[in-house]
């Protein structure tokens, strides 16, 4: 269901009934662009991002010398001694 930005003020109770029945309510600006989505709390929790392990596998390479501080940086930080 899509509604104009001005409708929720007058119809919040009815909109919440729709949401409790499992429907999503999209609130649009005056020019028709979606600006918010009203969903049940349970649905919002279910849609939360989950940690997906291995997404970056074979896409990121860490250099062998990653944890070695270059001499010029060590000197600039006073750590060259």
C-alpha atoms as a PDB file:
ATOM      1  CA  UNK A   1       0.000   0.000   0.000  1.00  0.00           C
ATOM      2  CA  UNK A   2       1.281   3.465  -0.845  1.00  0.00           C
ATOM      3  CA  UNK A   3       0.015   6.649   0.747  1.00  0.00           C
ATOM      4  CA  UNK A   4       0.798  10.362   0.607  1.00  0.00           C
ATOM      5  CA  UNK A   5       2.888  11.931   3.361  1.00  0.00           C
ATOM      6  CA  UNK A   6      -0.141  13.776   4.759  1.00  0.00           C
ATOM      7  CA  UNK A   7      -2.338  10.701   5.292  1.00  0.00           C
ATOM      8  CA  UNK A   8      -0.647   9.032   8.298  1.00  0.00           C
ATOM      9  CA  UNK A   9      -1.587  11.875  10.652  1.00  0.00           C
ATOM     10  CA  UNK A  10      -5.294  11.221  10.272  1.00  0.00           C
ATOM     11  CA  UNK A  11      -5.187   7.462   9.677  1.00  0.00           C
ATOM     12  CA  UNK A  12      -2.456   6.099  11.934  1.00  0.00           C
ATOM     13  CA  UNK A  13      -4.716   3.596  13.722  1.00  0.00           C
ATOM     14  CA  UNK A  14      -5.954   2.205  10.409  1.00  0.00           C
ATOM     15  CA  UNK A  15      -2.431   2.049   8.992  1.00  0.00           C
ATOM     16  CA  UNK A  16      -1.251   0.116  12.042  1.00  0.00           C
ATOM     17  CA  UNK A  17      -4.059  -2.391  11.484  1.00  0.00           C
ATOM     18  CA  UNK A  18      -2.748  -2.965   7.955  1.00  0.00           C
ATOM     19  CA  UNK A  19       0.769  -3.414   9.296  1.00  0.00           C
ATOM     20  CA  UNK A  20      -0.392  -5.859  11.983  1.00  0.00           C
ATOM     21  CA  UNK A  21      -2.075  -7.858   9.200  1.00  0.00           C
ATOM     22  CA  UNK A  22       1.339  -8.193   7.521  1.00  0.00           C
ATOM     23  CA  UNK A  23       1.066  -5.448   4.932  1.00  0.00           C
ATOM     24  CA  UNK A  24       3.780  -2.881   4.243  1.00  0.00           C
ATOM     25  CA  UNK A  25       2.798   0.779   4.013  1.00  0.00           C
ATOM     26  CA  UNK A  26       4.989   3.003   1.847  1.00  0.00           C
ATOM     27  CA  UNK A  27       4.774   6.706   2.635  1.00  0.00           C
ATOM     28  CA  UNK A  28       5.467   8.963  -0.327  1.00  0.00           C
ATOM     29  CA  UNK A  29       6.401  12.615  -0.562  1.00  0.00           C
ATOM     30  CA  UNK A  30       4.146  15.074  -2.373  1.00  0.00           C
ATOM     31  CA  UNK A  31       5.972  14.338  -5.618  1.00  0.00           C
ATOM     32  CA  UNK A  32       5.343  10.586  -5.282  1.00  0.00           C
ATOM     33  CA  UNK A  33       8.827   9.497  -4.187  1.00  0.00           C
ATOM     34  CA  UNK A  34       8.957   6.875  -1.417  1.00  0.00           C
ATOM     35  CA  UNK A  35      10.404   8.305   1.800  1.00  0.00           C
ATOM     36  CA  UNK A  36       9.511   5.738   4.484  1.00  0.00           C
ATOM     37  CA  UNK A  37       8.220   2.220   4.954  1.00  0.00           C
ATOM     38  CA  UNK A  38       5.948   1.219   7.821  1.00  0.00           C
ATOM     39  CA  UNK A  39       6.325  -2.480   8.696  1.00  0.00           C
ATOM     40  CA  UNK A  40       5.685  -4.638  11.735  1.00  0.00           C
ATOM     41  CA  UNK A  41       8.408  -4.856  14.341  1.00  0.00           C
ATOM     42  CA  UNK A  42       8.805  -8.586  13.718  1.00  0.00           C
ATOM     43  CA  UNK A  43       9.211  -8.018   9.981  1.00  0.00           C
ATOM     44  CA  UNK A  44      11.812  -5.319  10.599  1.00  0.00           C
ATOM     45  CA  UNK A  45      13.807  -7.725  12.792  1.00  0.00           C
ATOM     46  CA  UNK A  46      13.552 -10.485  10.206  1.00  0.00           C
ATOM     47  CA  UNK A  47      14.842  -8.141   7.489  1.00  0.00           C
ATOM     48  CA  UNK A  48      17.883  -7.023   9.489  1.00  0.00           C
ATOM     49  CA  UNK A  49      21.192  -7.693   7.848  1.00  0.00           C
ATOM     50  CA  UNK A  50      22.820 -10.867   9.000  1.00  0.00           C
ATOM     51  CA  UNK A  51      26.536 -11.501   9.111  1.00  0.00           C
ATOM     52  CA  UNK A  52      27.541 -13.439   6.042  1.00  0.00           C
ATOM     53  CA  UNK A  53      30.909 -15.079   6.457  1.00  0.00           C
ATOM     54  CA  UNK A  54      33.150 -15.436   3.435  1.00  0.00           C
ATOM     55  CA  UNK A  55      31.703 -12.581   1.397  1.00  0.00           C
ATOM     56  CA  UNK A  56      35.140 -11.042   0.813  1.00  0.00           C
ATOM     57  CA  UNK A  57      36.975 -14.351   0.257  1.00  0.00           C
ATOM     58  CA  UNK A  58      39.274 -14.095  -2.775  1.00  0.00           C
ATOM     59  CA  UNK A  59      38.310 -10.435  -3.247  1.00  0.00           C
ATOM     60  CA  UNK A  60      40.731  -8.822  -0.782  1.00  0.00           C
ATOM     61  CA  UNK A  61      44.465  -9.427  -0.555  1.00  0.00           C
ATOM     62  CA  UNK A  62      46.518  -8.344   2.420  1.00  0.00           C
ATOM     63  CA  UNK A  63      50.135  -7.660   1.534  1.00  0.00           C
ATOM     64  CA  UNK A  64      52.780  -9.846   3.175  1.00  0.00           C
ATOM     65  CA  UNK A  65      54.378  -6.743   4.713  1.00  0.00           C
ATOM     66  CA  UNK A  66      51.070  -5.312   5.966  1.00  0.00           C
ATOM     67  CA  UNK A  67      52.162  -5.124   9.595  1.00  0.00           C
ATOM     68  CA  UNK A  68      55.645  -3.734   8.884  1.00  0.00           C
ATOM     69  CA  UNK A  69      56.033  -0.012   9.422  1.00  0.00           C
ATOM     70  CA  UNK A  70      57.965   1.693   6.594  1.00  0.00           C
ATOM     71  CA  UNK A  71      61.204   3.299   7.890  1.00  0.00           C
ATOM     72  CA  UNK A  72      60.192   6.837   6.837  1.00  0.00           C
ATOM     73  CA  UNK A  73      56.920   6.566   8.762  1.00  0.00           C
ATOM     74  CA  UNK A  74      58.674   5.115  11.820  1.00  0.00           C
ATOM     75  CA  UNK A  75      61.155   7.999  11.696  1.00  0.00           C
ATOM     76  CA  UNK A  76      58.367  10.587  11.370  1.00  0.00           C
ATOM     77  CA  UNK A  77      56.687   9.073  14.426  1.00  0.00           C
ATOM     78  CA  UNK A  78      59.948   8.941  16.391  1.00  0.00           C
ATOM     79  CA  UNK A  79      59.862   5.136  16.465  1.00  0.00           C
ATOM     80  CA  UNK A  80      63.055   4.522  14.494  1.00  0.00           C
ATOM     81  CA  UNK A  81      65.211   3.788  17.512  1.00  0.00           C
END
